[in-house]
Amino acid sequence: MSKHEAEESFRDHIGNQTLDGKREWIYPKIIKGVFYKYRTYFSWFLLAFFFAAPFVKIGDYPLLLLNVLERKFVIIGQPFWPQDFFLFVFLTLTFLVFIVVFTVIFGRVWCGWACPQTIFMEMVFRKVENLIEGNANKQKKLDEMPWNLEKVYKKTLKHTIFFVISALISHTFLAYIIGYEALWEQITGPFTENYVTFFSLIIFSFVFYLVFAKMRELVCIMVCPYGRLQGVMLDQNSMVVAYDYIRGEPRGKIKKSEAQEEKGDCVDCNLCVDVCPTGIDIRHGTQLECVNCTSCIDACDSVMEKIHKPLGLIRIDSKVNIEEKKGFKFSSRIIAYSAVMILLLAASITILATRKSVEANILRIAGSTYSENESGRITNMFNLSMVNKTFEDKSFKLELAQSKNTKNATLFVVQQDSILESNNEKKKVFMIHKEQKNIHENELPMEVNLYVDGELIKTSKLTFLAPVRE
């Protein structure tokens, strides 16, 4: 194999795979540099938010509740209903376009700094593993040694803690769906009444355990769709974790007997590969497996300090800037994506600002037309459906709007009451009566006004059906 073929062979297999196609277990070293410190602080914040959010309340409602099963959603203490689905569509589209814009500009930085998979793997499970089994070299030696008392003890302790943490994650995850009060009630209640919750927690705990104990980087490389999308979103102007090959090549070890002037700054220590959680060599350029965790930057900077070279041989930069030293510039793609994101954001803000506190719909009872009694009174029946999206009780009232068709007509609400409870839905049946002698058409257009707390919030158009007799 020629030198060029050897350099290009990395394209034939992923970083955690041997040449014969088998998985190669990765033992990443931990270099506690500047970026690692900032990632740690940011991870602490995200972990605190993840575990605290289901238990924090704003008023009487949680900070975040995503109860898909019962179609109850609370975001930042504000309840949302299925009727707000169009708002979720706009917010979701805005978020997705934001990710696209962020990726086009900064690459896959979400994966390395904010993705729950990376946060839990690198800042929780990896730390537990290093605490019990030691650094990367000790972990490798432990895996290679035959089973003995030390290995059994360390492996049992590690995997027990892994499963406990996984169970804690699954419980917290379920608290986001049903709320922590309901979760506590079910896990402390009789097993015969809550066995579905019990088995759900066991299954999710095992899933999280397998993800963080066994699959690890495979989730980022093979499962996550975002990693696949990055290839079509990045361009030469994207700011990614990049190796300055112009400054670093030709690489080579430092030897006193050789002249160093003809060599680049890269000393070929391979430390950037040793710290990579997905096992790639960043010196080959931007790759699918790179999650922009910046560990290789900390590793390379630590070497540059020791050999008294400028920092930033591996840094966050664009391919264009490395080659042409032109700095970052907004490309047409970035401008186009940003314009779409701003429009979607403006639409979402407008919808949120104009979102009604009470939603109401009036529909004719399915399959009904009209009824007539012996005295000649015609009756039409309708359904009124209301949703109170606030935390306060509301009073409501239905009235017929004055018109020639509503003259001599009356409106009657079945089971008359005037209170719409906070964060609740109410359905009512009401009837409109009109004497046959005052009806001269088969269809009479009418309007019904709905007042909430004395304020007109909705005027619904409906049709009063009746027979016409000559």
Protein backbone atom coordinates (compact mmCIF):
# COMPACT_ATOMS: atom_id res chain seq x y z
CA MET A 1 0.00 0.00 0.00
CA SER A 2 1.42 3.40 -1.00
CA LYS A 3 1.67 6.32 1.41
CA HIS A 4 -1.23 8.06 -0.30
CA GLU A 5 -3.37 4.93 -0.09
CA ALA A 6 -2.52 4.57 3.59
CA GLU A 7 -3.52 8.16 4.24
CA GLU A 8 -6.83 7.66 2.40
CA SER A 9 -7.68 4.27 3.96
CA PHE A 10 -9.61 5.94 6.77
CA ARG A 11 -12.44 6.45 4.29
CA ASP A 12 -12.96 2.69 4.02
CA HIS A 13 -14.13 2.17 7.61
CA ILE A 14 -15.38 4.19 10.57
CA GLY A 15 -13.13 5.18 13.44
CA ASN A 16 -14.26 2.43 15.83
CA GLN A 17 -13.95 -0.37 13.29
CA THR A 18 -10.98 -2.59 12.53
CA LEU A 19 -9.87 -3.39 8.98
CA ASP A 20 -11.66 -6.74 9.14
CA GLY A 21 -14.98 -5.06 10.04
CA LYS A 22 -15.07 -5.79 13.79
CA ARG A 23 -15.89 -3.15 16.38
CA GLU A 24 -12.89 -1.70 18.14
CA TRP A 25 -13.68 -0.57 21.69
CA ILE A 26 -12.67 3.04 22.23
CA TYR A 27 -10.84 4.15 25.37
CA PRO A 28 -10.71 7.95 25.06
CA LYS A 29 -8.25 9.79 27.25
CA ILE A 30 -9.45 12.84 29.17
CA ILE A 31 -7.46 16.06 28.79
CA LYS A 32 -8.80 18.77 31.10
CA GLY A 33 -8.13 21.84 29.01
CA VAL A 34 -9.99 25.12 28.56
CA PHE A 35 -12.74 23.70 26.36
CA TYR A 36 -13.23 20.71 28.65
CA LYS A 37 -13.69 23.08 31.59
CA TYR A 38 -16.35 25.11 29.77
CA ARG A 39 -18.09 21.94 28.56
CA THR A 40 -18.17 20.69 32.17
CA TYR A 41 -19.77 23.89 33.46
CA PHE A 42 -22.30 23.90 30.65
CA SER A 43 -23.07 20.22 31.23
CA TRP A 44 -23.71 20.86 34.93
CA PHE A 45 -26.27 23.48 33.95
CA LEU A 46 -27.99 21.18 31.44
CA LEU A 47 -28.02 18.22 33.85
CA ALA A 48 -29.45 20.39 36.62
CA PHE A 49 -32.16 21.60 34.24
CA PHE A 50 -32.98 18.07 33.04
CA PHE A 51 -33.42 16.63 36.53
CA ALA A 52 -35.10 19.72 38.03
CA ALA A 53 -37.49 20.83 35.26
CA PRO A 54 -40.28 18.28 35.98
CA PHE A 55 -40.32 19.31 39.65
CA VAL A 56 -40.18 23.10 39.22
CA LYS A 57 -43.56 24.78 39.16
CA ILE A 58 -44.74 28.14 37.94
CA GLY A 59 -47.92 28.79 39.86
CA ASP A 60 -49.71 25.44 40.02
CA TYR A 61 -48.16 24.04 36.84
CA PRO A 62 -44.80 22.40 36.06
CA LEU A 63 -42.11 24.16 34.11
CA LEU A 64 -42.32 21.49 31.44
CA LEU A 65 -44.91 18.75 30.87
CA LEU A 66 -45.23 16.79 27.62
CA ASN A 67 -48.09 14.42 28.30
CA VAL A 68 -48.67 12.99 24.84
CA LEU A 69 -50.92 10.23 26.19
CA GLU A 70 -53.51 12.65 27.61
CA ARG A 71 -52.71 15.50 25.21
CA LYS A 72 -51.66 17.85 28.00
CA PHE A 73 -48.70 20.14 27.38
CA VAL A 74 -47.20 22.77 29.66
CA ILE A 75 -44.24 24.84 28.50
CA ILE A 76 -42.70 27.40 30.87
CA GLY A 77 -45.82 27.17 33.01
CA GLN A 78 -48.19 27.88 30.14
CA PRO A 79 -50.72 25.17 29.20
CA PHE A 80 -51.18 24.21 25.57
CA TRP A 81 -53.97 22.14 24.07
CA PRO A 82 -54.41 20.07 20.90
CA GLN A 83 -56.16 23.14 19.49
CA ASP A 84 -52.73 24.83 19.57
CA PHE A 85 -51.24 22.23 17.22
CA PHE A 86 -50.62 24.81 14.50
CA LEU A 87 -48.49 26.74 17.00
CA PHE A 88 -46.39 23.64 17.70
CA VAL A 89 -45.91 23.25 13.95
CA PHE A 90 -44.50 26.78 13.66
CA LEU A 91 -42.32 26.40 16.75
CA THR A 92 -41.01 23.02 15.55
CA LEU A 93 -40.23 24.35 12.08
CA THR A 94 -38.50 27.37 13.62
CA PHE A 95 -36.40 25.09 15.85
CA LEU A 96 -35.44 22.82 12.95
CA VAL A 97 -34.43 25.76 10.75
CA PHE A 98 -32.46 27.18 13.69
CA ILE A 99 -30.55 23.88 13.93
CA VAL A 100 -29.85 24.04 10.19
CA VAL A 101 -28.57 27.64 10.43
CA PHE A 102 -26.51 26.81 13.52
CA THR A 103 -25.02 23.75 11.79
CA VAL A 104 -24.21 25.65 8.58
CA ILE A 105 -22.32 28.23 10.67
CA PHE A 106 -20.85 26.20 13.54
CA GLY A 107 -21.00 22.59 12.37
CA ARG A 108 -22.05 19.78 14.70
CA VAL A 109 -21.42 21.73 17.90
CA TRP A 110 -24.86 20.72 19.25
CA CYS A 111 -23.71 17.10 19.38
CA GLY A 112 -20.58 17.79 21.38
CA TRP A 113 -21.93 20.40 23.77
CA ALA A 114 -25.70 20.08 24.26
CA CYS A 115 -26.92 16.68 23.05
CA PRO A 116 -28.20 14.57 26.01
CA GLN A 117 -26.39 11.52 24.60
CA THR A 118 -23.02 13.29 24.80
CA ILE A 119 -23.75 15.04 28.09
CA PHE A 120 -24.65 11.83 29.92
CA MET A 121 -21.96 9.74 28.20
CA GLU A 122 -19.00 12.07 28.68
CA MET A 123 -19.95 13.96 31.82
CA VAL A 124 -21.69 11.24 33.84
CA PHE A 125 -21.02 7.66 32.73
CA ARG A 126 -17.47 8.29 31.52
CA LYS A 127 -16.57 10.00 34.81
CA VAL A 128 -18.00 7.08 36.81
CA GLU A 129 -16.03 4.67 34.64
CA ASN A 130 -12.77 6.59 35.15
CA LEU A 131 -13.41 6.84 38.87
CA ILE A 132 -13.85 3.06 39.26
CA GLU A 133 -11.56 1.58 36.59
CA GLY A 134 -8.98 4.33 36.22
CA ASN A 135 -7.80 6.17 33.10
CA ALA A 136 -7.96 4.89 29.53
CA ASN A 137 -4.82 2.75 29.79
CA LYS A 138 -5.98 1.10 33.03
CA GLN A 139 -9.42 0.42 31.52
CA LYS A 140 -7.84 -1.31 28.54
CA LYS A 141 -5.59 -3.43 30.76
CA LEU A 142 -8.57 -4.36 32.94
CA ASP A 143 -10.56 -5.54 29.92
CA GLU A 144 -7.63 -7.58 28.62
CA MET A 145 -6.80 -9.31 31.92
CA PRO A 146 -8.46 -12.63 32.86
CA TRP A 147 -11.39 -12.58 35.24
CA ASN A 148 -10.23 -12.27 38.83
CA LEU A 149 -11.52 -10.73 42.06
CA GLU A 150 -10.45 -7.19 41.11
CA LYS A 151 -12.07 -7.35 37.68
CA VAL A 152 -15.30 -8.86 39.01
CA TYR A 153 -15.52 -6.22 41.75
CA LYS A 154 -14.85 -3.23 39.46
CA LYS A 155 -17.09 -4.42 36.62
CA THR A 156 -19.95 -5.29 38.97
CA LEU A 157 -19.71 -1.95 40.77
CA LYS A 158 -19.50 0.02 37.53
CA HIS A 159 -22.42 -1.65 35.81
CA THR A 160 -24.56 -1.51 38.95
CA ILE A 161 -24.04 2.24 39.15
CA PHE A 162 -24.66 2.51 35.40
CA PHE A 163 -28.04 0.81 35.79
CA VAL A 164 -28.99 2.95 38.80
CA ILE A 165 -28.22 6.12 36.83
CA SER A 166 -30.16 4.73 33.85
CA ALA A 167 -33.15 4.05 36.11
CA LEU A 168 -32.93 7.60 37.46
CA ILE A 169 -32.95 8.94 33.89
CA SER A 170 -35.95 6.80 32.94
CA HIS A 171 -37.90 7.96 36.03
CA THR A 172 -37.13 11.59 35.22
CA PHE A 173 -38.08 11.03 31.60
CA LEU A 174 -41.46 9.62 32.68
CA ALA A 175 -41.96 12.60 35.01
CA TYR A 176 -41.83 14.83 31.92
CA ILE A 177 -44.71 12.84 30.44
CA ILE A 178 -47.14 12.25 33.32
CA GLY A 179 -45.88 14.69 35.97
CA TYR A 180 -43.96 13.85 39.13
CA GLU A 181 -47.10 13.66 41.33
CA ALA A 182 -48.64 10.99 39.10
CA LEU A 183 -45.27 9.21 38.85
CA TRP A 184 -44.86 9.11 42.64
CA GLU A 185 -48.41 7.90 43.08
CA GLN A 186 -47.88 5.07 40.60
CA ILE A 187 -44.48 3.87 41.84
CA THR A 188 -45.71 3.84 45.46
CA GLY A 189 -49.13 2.39 44.65
CA PRO A 190 -50.19 -1.27 44.36
CA PHE A 191 -48.28 -3.24 41.73
CA THR A 192 -51.47 -4.78 40.32
CA GLU A 193 -52.77 -1.30 39.46
CA ASN A 194 -49.49 0.13 38.14
CA TYR A 195 -47.71 -2.80 36.49
CA VAL A 196 -47.68 -0.99 33.11
CA THR A 197 -45.67 1.86 34.64
CA PHE A 198 -43.35 -0.62 36.39
CA PHE A 199 -42.52 -2.58 33.23
CA SER A 200 -42.20 0.65 31.21
CA LEU A 201 -39.60 1.95 33.66
CA ILE A 202 -37.71 -1.36 33.59
CA ILE A 203 -37.64 -1.40 29.77
CA PHE A 204 -36.52 2.22 29.47
CA SER A 205 -33.89 1.70 32.18
CA PHE A 206 -32.40 -1.22 30.23
CA VAL A 207 -32.52 0.83 27.00
CA PHE A 208 -30.63 3.72 28.59
CA TYR A 209 -28.19 1.28 30.20
CA LEU A 210 -27.43 -0.40 26.86
CA VAL A 211 -27.01 2.97 25.16
CA PHE A 212 -24.45 4.27 27.65
CA ALA A 213 -22.77 1.01 28.64
CA LYS A 214 -22.58 -0.76 25.28
CA MET A 215 -23.62 1.29 22.24
CA ARG A 216 -21.97 4.58 23.20
CA GLU A 217 -20.49 6.27 20.11
CA LEU A 218 -22.54 4.01 17.82
CA VAL A 219 -25.57 6.16 18.65
CA CYS A 220 -23.80 9.23 17.22
CA ILE A 221 -22.28 7.41 14.26
CA MET A 222 -25.02 5.05 13.13
CA VAL A 223 -28.35 5.86 14.86
CA CYS A 224 -28.63 9.64 15.09
CA PRO A 225 -30.13 11.14 11.89
CA TYR A 226 -28.65 14.56 12.63
CA GLY A 227 -25.14 13.24 12.05
CA ARG A 228 -26.20 12.06 8.61
CA LEU A 229 -27.70 15.44 7.78
CA GLN A 230 -24.58 17.37 8.64
CA GLY A 231 -22.92 16.25 5.40
CA VAL A 232 -25.45 18.20 3.32
CA MET A 233 -25.53 21.23 5.61
CA LEU A 234 -21.83 22.00 5.96
CA ASP A 235 -19.83 23.95 3.41
CA GLN A 236 -16.30 25.34 3.23
CA ASN A 237 -17.32 28.43 5.22
CA SER A 238 -18.75 26.47 8.18
CA MET A 239 -16.89 26.91 11.47
CA VAL A 240 -15.94 23.39 12.57
CA VAL A 241 -13.24 21.69 14.61
CA ALA A 242 -10.47 21.73 12.02
CA TYR A 243 -6.82 20.84 11.73
CA ASP A 244 -4.60 23.53 10.19
CA TYR A 245 -2.80 21.24 7.77
CA ILE A 246 -0.97 24.17 6.14
CA ARG A 247 0.75 24.94 9.41
CA GLY A 248 0.95 21.34 10.67
CA GLU A 249 2.30 19.50 7.63
CA PRO A 250 4.59 17.79 7.01
CA ARG A 251 4.19 16.29 10.44
CA GLY A 252 6.90 14.40 12.27
CA LYS A 253 8.46 13.63 15.61
CA ILE A 254 10.89 16.12 17.12
CA LYS A 255 14.42 14.76 16.96
CA LYS A 256 17.50 16.66 17.98
CA SER A 257 19.53 15.06 15.21
CA GLU A 258 17.20 16.39 12.51
CA ALA A 259 16.53 19.88 11.25
CA GLN A 260 13.05 20.99 12.30
CA GLU A 261 12.70 23.93 9.91
CA GLU A 262 11.31 21.74 7.12
CA LYS A 263 8.71 20.12 9.36
CA GLY A 264 5.27 21.40 10.32
CA ASP A 265 4.09 22.06 13.87
CA CYS A 266 2.33 18.68 14.19
CA VAL A 267 4.64 16.30 16.05
CA ASP A 268 2.49 13.27 15.17
CA CYS A 269 1.89 12.43 18.85
CA ASN A 270 -1.53 10.97 18.00
CA LEU A 271 -3.01 12.49 21.16
CA CYS A 272 -5.85 14.08 19.16
CA VAL A 273 -6.91 10.55 18.20
CA ASP A 274 -6.46 9.16 21.72
CA VAL A 275 -8.94 11.66 23.20
CA CYS A 276 -11.59 11.40 20.48
CA PRO A 277 -14.80 9.73 21.78
CA THR A 278 -15.62 8.41 18.28
CA GLY A 279 -12.07 7.30 17.42
CA ILE A 280 -11.38 9.51 14.38
CA ASP A 281 -8.25 11.37 13.32
CA ILE A 282 -9.23 15.02 12.88
CA ARG A 283 -6.13 15.52 10.73
CA HIS A 284 -8.00 13.76 7.92
CA GLY A 285 -10.44 16.64 7.79
CA THR A 286 -14.11 17.02 8.71
CA GLN A 287 -15.75 13.61 9.04
CA LEU A 288 -19.23 12.27 9.71
CA GLU A 289 -18.17 10.85 13.08
CA CYS A 290 -16.85 14.19 14.43
CA VAL A 291 -19.23 15.58 17.08
CA ASN A 292 -17.27 18.83 17.62
CA CYS A 293 -16.63 18.00 21.28
CA THR A 294 -13.32 19.99 21.07
CA SER A 295 -11.37 17.34 23.05
CA CYS A 296 -8.75 17.23 20.30
CA ILE A 297 -8.29 21.01 20.62
CA ASP A 298 -7.45 20.69 24.33
CA ALA A 299 -5.12 17.77 23.60
CA CYS A 300 -3.26 19.55 20.80
CA ASP A 301 -2.97 22.80 22.74
CA SER A 302 -1.41 20.94 25.68
CA VAL A 303 1.28 19.60 23.30
CA MET A 304 1.84 22.99 21.67
CA GLU A 305 2.45 24.51 25.10
CA LYS A 306 5.08 21.89 25.88
CA ILE A 307 7.01 22.43 22.64
CA HIS A 308 6.55 26.22 22.78
CA LYS A 309 4.49 26.51 19.61
CA PRO A 310 1.45 28.76 19.04
CA LEU A 311 -1.86 27.29 20.18
CA GLY A 312 -4.64 26.55 17.71
CA LEU A 313 -3.08 23.97 15.42
CA ILE A 314 -6.47 22.31 15.86
CA ARG A 315 -9.13 24.95 16.35
CA ILE A 316 -12.65 26.04 15.49
CA ASP A 317 -12.27 27.47 12.01
CA SER A 318 -13.47 27.15 8.43
CA LYS A 319 -11.67 25.45 5.56
CA VAL A 320 -11.68 28.70 3.60
CA ASN A 321 -10.06 30.64 6.44
CA ILE A 322 -7.37 28.00 6.94
CA GLU A 323 -6.45 28.08 3.26
CA GLU A 324 -7.04 31.75 2.39
CA LYS A 325 -7.00 33.57 5.76
CA LYS A 326 -10.13 35.50 4.80
CA GLY A 327 -12.07 35.05 8.04
CA PHE A 328 -15.71 34.13 8.42
CA LYS A 329 -18.23 35.46 5.93
CA PHE A 330 -21.98 35.04 5.48
CA SER A 331 -22.65 32.86 2.47
CA SER A 332 -25.83 32.95 0.41
CA ARG A 333 -26.96 29.72 2.12
CA ILE A 334 -26.62 31.24 5.58
CA ILE A 335 -28.50 34.38 4.51
CA ALA A 336 -31.32 32.32 2.94
CA TYR A 337 -31.69 30.01 5.96
CA SER A 338 -31.55 32.98 8.34
CA ALA A 339 -34.29 34.79 6.41
CA VAL A 340 -36.56 31.73 6.61
CA MET A 341 -35.83 31.35 10.32
CA ILE A 342 -36.63 35.02 11.00
CA LEU A 343 -39.94 34.73 9.13
CA LEU A 344 -40.90 31.59 11.04
CA LEU A 345 -39.85 33.18 14.33
CA ALA A 346 -41.91 36.29 13.59
CA ALA A 347 -44.92 34.10 12.72
CA SER A 348 -44.53 32.10 15.94
CA ILE A 349 -44.26 35.25 18.06
CA THR A 350 -47.32 36.72 16.35
CA ILE A 351 -49.34 33.55 16.97
CA LEU A 352 -48.23 33.46 20.61
CA ALA A 353 -49.09 37.12 21.11
CA THR A 354 -52.54 36.75 19.54
CA ARG A 355 -53.27 33.37 21.14
CA LYS A 356 -56.72 33.48 22.75
CA SER A 357 -57.09 32.55 26.40
CA VAL A 358 -60.40 30.80 25.63
CA GLU A 359 -61.09 28.79 22.49
CA ALA A 360 -64.66 27.93 21.52
CA ASN A 361 -66.45 26.09 18.73
CA ILE A 362 -70.15 25.74 17.96
CA LEU A 363 -71.37 22.87 15.79
CA ARG A 364 -74.74 21.35 15.07
CA ILE A 365 -75.27 18.04 16.85
CA ALA A 366 -74.23 15.36 14.39
CA GLY A 367 -77.12 13.88 12.39
CA SER A 368 -79.73 16.31 13.69
CA THR A 369 -81.88 18.74 11.73
CA TYR A 370 -84.84 20.08 13.70
CA SER A 371 -87.64 18.94 15.96
CA GLU A 372 -91.23 20.19 16.24
CA ASN A 373 -93.66 19.96 19.15
CA GLU A 374 -97.46 19.94 19.13
CA SER A 375 -97.72 23.68 19.60
CA GLY A 376 -95.68 24.32 16.44
CA ARG A 377 -92.38 25.31 18.06
CA ILE A 378 -89.29 24.40 16.01
CA THR A 379 -86.08 23.51 17.86
CA ASN A 380 -82.48 23.16 16.63
CA MET A 381 -79.79 21.68 18.88
CA PHE A 382 -76.09 22.61 18.89
CA ASN A 383 -72.88 21.66 20.76
CA LEU A 384 -70.70 24.31 22.41
CA SER A 385 -67.11 23.26 23.13
CA MET A 386 -64.86 25.59 25.17
CA VAL A 387 -61.26 25.38 26.38
CA ASN A 388 -59.95 27.67 29.13
CA LYS A 389 -56.18 28.00 28.63
CA THR A 390 -55.63 30.20 31.67
CA PHE A 391 -55.11 29.49 35.37
CA GLU A 392 -58.27 31.40 36.38
CA ASP A 393 -61.94 30.45 36.33
CA LYS A 394 -63.99 32.28 33.72
CA SER A 395 -67.68 33.10 33.51
CA PHE A 396 -69.37 32.67 30.15
CA LYS A 397 -72.69 33.55 28.55
CA LEU A 398 -74.36 32.73 25.21
CA GLU A 399 -76.68 35.17 23.47
CA LEU A 400 -78.38 35.38 20.08
CA ALA A 401 -77.15 38.33 18.02
CA GLN A 402 -80.00 40.64 17.12
CA SER A 403 -81.21 40.28 13.52
CA LYS A 404 -84.47 39.78 11.62
CA ASN A 405 -84.01 36.00 11.75
CA THR A 406 -83.52 35.92 15.53
CA LYS A 407 -86.63 37.97 16.19
CA ASN A 408 -89.03 35.90 18.36
CA ALA A 409 -86.28 33.24 18.74
CA THR A 410 -84.93 32.13 22.13
CA LEU A 411 -81.73 30.39 23.18
CA PHE A 412 -81.67 27.86 26.03
CA VAL A 413 -78.55 26.17 27.48
CA VAL A 414 -79.05 22.65 28.83
CA GLN A 415 -77.75 22.22 32.40
CA GLN A 416 -77.31 25.94 32.78
CA ASP A 417 -74.13 27.03 34.52
CA SER A 418 -71.84 29.93 33.82
CA ILE A 419 -68.39 28.88 35.08
CA LEU A 420 -65.55 27.62 32.90
CA GLU A 421 -62.90 26.20 35.22
CA SER A 422 -59.22 27.12 34.84
CA ASN A 423 -57.13 24.99 32.48
CA ASN A 424 -60.16 22.92 31.65
CA GLU A 425 -62.46 21.95 28.82
CA LYS A 426 -66.24 22.14 28.91
CA LYS A 427 -68.91 20.94 26.50
CA LYS A 428 -72.48 22.21 26.59
CA VAL A 429 -75.63 21.59 24.59
CA PHE A 430 -77.88 24.52 23.74
CA MET A 431 -81.11 24.85 21.79
CA ILE A 432 -82.64 27.58 19.71
CA HIS A 433 -86.48 27.77 19.63
CA LYS A 434 -88.65 29.59 17.13
CA GLU A 435 -92.39 29.42 16.46
CA GLN A 436 -93.44 27.92 13.13
CA LYS A 437 -95.71 30.85 12.38
CA ASN A 438 -92.66 33.18 12.34
CA ILE A 439 -90.69 31.04 9.91
CA HIS A 440 -90.91 31.63 6.18
CA GLU A 441 -87.72 29.92 4.94
CA ASN A 442 -86.15 26.47 5.27
CA GLU A 443 -82.81 27.92 6.35
CA LEU A 444 -82.38 30.96 8.56
CA PRO A 445 -78.83 32.31 9.03
CA MET A 446 -78.22 33.32 12.64
CA GLU A 447 -75.31 34.45 14.82
CA VAL A 448 -74.54 33.46 18.41
CA ASN A 449 -72.30 35.59 20.61
CA LEU A 450 -70.12 34.06 23.32
CA TYR A 451 -69.15 36.37 26.19
CA VAL A 452 -66.37 35.45 28.63
CA ASP A 453 -66.07 37.62 31.73
CA GLY A 454 -68.40 40.07 30.02
CA GLU A 455 -66.20 40.39 26.93
CA LEU A 456 -67.31 39.22 23.49
CA ILE A 457 -64.70 36.69 22.34
CA LYS A 458 -66.48 34.86 19.53
CA THR A 459 -69.36 35.27 17.13
CA SER A 460 -70.39 32.02 15.47
CA LYS A 461 -72.53 31.81 12.35
CA LEU A 462 -75.01 28.96 12.21
CA THR A 463 -78.09 27.94 10.25
CA PHE A 464 -81.49 27.37 11.81
CA LEU A 465 -83.34 24.62 9.90
CA ALA A 466 -87.13 24.45 9.74
CA PRO A 467 -89.98 23.22 7.57
CA VAL A 468 -91.95 25.75 5.56
CA ARG A 469 -95.71 25.31 5.29
CA GLU A 470 -97.90 27.31 2.91
